[in-house]
Amino acid sequence: MLKHGKKWILATALLGGLAACGDTLGEQAVIGAGVGGAGSAVAGGSLATGALVGAAANVAYCNQYPHRCN
């Protein structure tokens, strides 16, 4: 049970990290890659895949909701 609780806490922290968009496309990609890679490392997944997905997700989020990123 505690293991699942830790995953929810981590997921919340990672989503919070994605909300910190960055001012430029490059910053958005780097922040997303860092959060995605860290999440994959903790979850035991592929770091490269996590970084790629995180970068794409953060850039997409910031483009969809620019008012939430500033």
Protein backbone atom coordinates (compact mmCIF):
# COMPACT_ATOMS: atom_id res chain seq x y z
CA MET A 1 0.00 0.00 0.00
CA LEU A 2 2.79 2.41 0.87
CA LYS A 3 4.46 1.69 -2.45
CA HIS A 4 1.38 2.95 -4.33
CA GLY A 5 1.21 6.04 -2.12
CA LYS A 6 4.79 6.90 -3.05
CA LYS A 7 3.93 6.58 -6.73
CA TRP A 8 1.05 9.05 -6.37
CA ILE A 9 3.26 11.51 -4.54
CA LEU A 10 5.90 11.17 -7.25
CA ALA A 11 3.33 11.58 -10.00
CA THR A 12 2.00 14.74 -8.39
CA ALA A 13 5.50 16.17 -8.05
CA LEU A 14 6.32 15.32 -11.66
CA LEU A 15 3.16 16.94 -12.95
CA GLY A 16 4.00 20.00 -10.91
CA GLY A 17 7.39 20.05 -12.57
CA LEU A 18 5.77 19.97 -15.98
CA ALA A 19 3.73 23.00 -15.04
CA ALA A 20 6.99 24.95 -14.77
CA CYS A 21 7.12 25.43 -18.52
CA GLY A 22 10.07 27.64 -19.30
CA ASP A 23 10.16 30.76 -21.45
CA THR A 24 11.49 29.32 -24.70
CA LEU A 25 10.89 26.14 -26.67
CA GLY A 26 14.33 24.90 -25.64
CA GLU A 27 13.68 25.51 -21.96
CA GLN A 28 10.32 23.78 -22.23
CA ALA A 29 11.93 20.73 -23.85
CA VAL A 30 14.77 20.56 -21.30
CA ILE A 31 12.46 20.90 -18.30
CA GLY A 32 10.10 18.26 -19.70
CA ALA A 33 12.99 15.93 -20.52
CA GLY A 34 14.34 16.26 -16.99
CA VAL A 35 11.02 15.54 -15.37
CA GLY A 36 10.25 12.67 -17.75
CA GLY A 37 13.70 11.13 -17.32
CA ALA A 38 13.48 11.39 -13.54
CA GLY A 39 10.06 9.79 -13.55
CA SER A 40 11.31 6.92 -15.69
CA ALA A 41 14.32 6.42 -13.44
CA VAL A 42 12.13 6.14 -10.37
CA ALA A 43 9.61 3.90 -12.14
CA GLY A 44 12.34 1.66 -13.57
CA GLY A 45 11.61 2.52 -17.19
CA SER A 46 13.71 3.69 -20.10
CA LEU A 47 15.39 7.02 -19.36
CA ALA A 48 15.55 7.98 -23.03
CA THR A 49 11.87 7.23 -23.59
CA GLY A 50 10.88 9.08 -20.44
CA ALA A 51 12.93 12.11 -21.45
CA LEU A 52 11.48 12.13 -24.96
CA VAL A 53 7.90 11.78 -23.75
CA GLY A 54 8.45 14.38 -21.02
CA ALA A 55 9.92 16.90 -23.46
CA ALA A 56 7.10 16.42 -25.94
CA ALA A 57 4.45 16.59 -23.23
CA ASN A 58 5.81 19.79 -21.70
CA VAL A 59 6.14 21.55 -25.06
CA ALA A 60 2.60 20.47 -26.00
CA TYR A 61 1.22 21.59 -22.62
CA CYS A 62 2.92 24.98 -22.83
CA ASN A 63 1.62 25.53 -26.34
CA GLN A 64 -1.91 24.49 -25.36
CA TYR A 65 -2.03 26.51 -22.13
CA PRO A 66 0.48 29.38 -22.43
CA HIS A 67 -1.31 31.43 -19.76
CA ARG A 68 -0.59 28.70 -17.19
CA CYS A 69 3.13 28.73 -17.91
CA ASN A 70 3.90 32.37 -17.24
